């Protein structure tokens, strides 16, 4: 059996959709967008989709960003998960 090199899961640069969850407040959305915009300054308003939970308590944002490297993507996730306004980022 020969070892074949593993192919990377992502090839950079690429578009990547990040899901961010928080309480349905203006502060949550502002914090999430500010963090992502810091790392992806060319973020378009069309790249953002928002969905409310059935009871209206939570909001989910799907943010599609163009990332240049794994390090850039990792830093976005680190900053998102460090924010007290963000409940979860996938």
Protein backbone atom coordinates (compact mmCIF):
# COMPACT_ATOMS: atom_id res chain seq x y z
CA UNK A 1 0.00 0.00 0.00
CA UNK A 2 1.43 3.37 -0.98
CA UNK A 3 0.91 6.59 0.85
CA UNK A 4 -0.64 9.22 -1.35
CA UNK A 5 -0.37 12.84 -0.29
CA UNK A 6 -3.59 14.23 1.11
CA UNK A 7 -5.18 17.03 -0.85
CA UNK A 8 -6.04 20.16 1.12
CA UNK A 9 -9.73 20.59 1.87
CA UNK A 10 -9.64 24.20 0.69
CA UNK A 11 -7.67 25.84 -2.07
CA UNK A 12 -6.92 29.50 -1.44
CA UNK A 13 -8.00 32.07 -2.35
CA UNK A 14 -11.63 30.98 -2.12
CA UNK A 15 -15.08 32.11 -1.08
CA UNK A 16 -16.05 30.68 2.30
CA UNK A 17 -19.35 31.01 4.16
CA UNK A 18 -19.15 31.54 7.90
CA UNK A 19 -22.25 30.99 10.05
CA UNK A 20 -22.43 33.20 13.13
CA UNK A 21 -25.10 32.84 15.84
CA UNK A 22 -26.11 35.24 18.61
CA UNK A 23 -28.99 36.92 20.37
CA UNK A 24 -31.27 38.87 18.03
CA UNK A 25 -29.84 42.27 18.92
CA UNK A 26 -28.28 45.09 16.93
CA UNK A 27 -25.16 44.67 19.05
CA UNK A 28 -24.71 41.06 17.93
CA UNK A 29 -24.97 41.87 14.24
CA UNK A 30 -22.71 44.94 14.56
CA UNK A 31 -20.06 42.95 16.45
CA UNK A 32 -20.08 40.06 13.96
CA UNK A 33 -19.88 42.30 10.93
CA UNK A 34 -17.19 44.49 12.47
CA UNK A 35 -15.00 41.46 13.21
CA UNK A 36 -15.41 39.95 9.77
CA UNK A 37 -14.95 43.32 8.05
CA UNK A 38 -11.65 43.81 9.90
CA UNK A 39 -10.26 40.69 8.22
CA UNK A 40 -12.13 40.99 4.91
CA UNK A 41 -12.47 44.72 4.18
CA UNK A 42 -14.04 44.15 0.75
CA UNK A 43 -17.08 42.50 2.32
CA UNK A 44 -20.20 43.20 0.27
CA UNK A 45 -23.64 43.72 1.75
CA UNK A 46 -24.88 41.05 -0.66
CA UNK A 47 -22.55 38.55 1.04
CA UNK A 48 -24.63 38.64 4.24
CA UNK A 49 -27.85 36.74 4.89
CA UNK A 50 -29.75 36.91 8.18
CA UNK A 51 -32.26 34.45 9.61
CA UNK A 52 -34.22 34.66 12.84
CA UNK A 53 -35.03 31.69 15.05
CA UNK A 54 -38.66 30.57 15.22
CA UNK A 55 -39.19 32.36 18.54
CA UNK A 56 -37.27 35.48 17.47
CA UNK A 57 -34.75 35.23 20.29
CA UNK A 58 -31.71 34.32 18.15
CA UNK A 59 -30.27 35.46 14.85
CA UNK A 60 -28.03 33.56 12.45
CA UNK A 61 -25.83 35.34 9.95
CA UNK A 62 -24.36 33.61 6.91
CA UNK A 63 -21.41 35.70 5.78
CA UNK A 64 -19.56 34.77 2.60
CA UNK A 65 -16.03 36.12 2.50
CA UNK A 66 -13.17 35.76 0.07
CA UNK A 67 -10.20 34.48 2.07
CA UNK A 68 -6.60 34.36 0.90
CA UNK A 69 -5.20 31.87 3.40
CA UNK A 70 -5.95 29.38 6.14
CA UNK A 71 -4.36 31.80 8.62
CA UNK A 72 -6.81 34.57 7.63
CA UNK A 73 -9.76 32.22 8.06
CA UNK A 74 -8.47 30.96 11.42
CA UNK A 75 -8.04 34.53 12.69
CA UNK A 76 -11.61 35.41 11.74
CA UNK A 77 -12.88 32.41 13.74
CA UNK A 78 -10.63 33.23 16.72
CA UNK A 79 -11.91 36.80 16.87
CA UNK A 80 -15.54 35.77 16.43
CA UNK A 81 -15.43 33.16 19.18
CA UNK A 82 -13.63 35.57 21.52
CA UNK A 83 -16.46 38.12 21.29
CA UNK A 84 -19.03 38.04 24.12
CA UNK A 85 -21.74 38.97 21.57
CA UNK A 86 -21.16 35.78 19.55
CA UNK A 87 -22.73 32.56 20.84
CA UNK A 88 -21.29 30.29 18.14
CA UNK A 89 -19.41 30.44 14.85
CA UNK A 90 -19.32 27.62 12.32
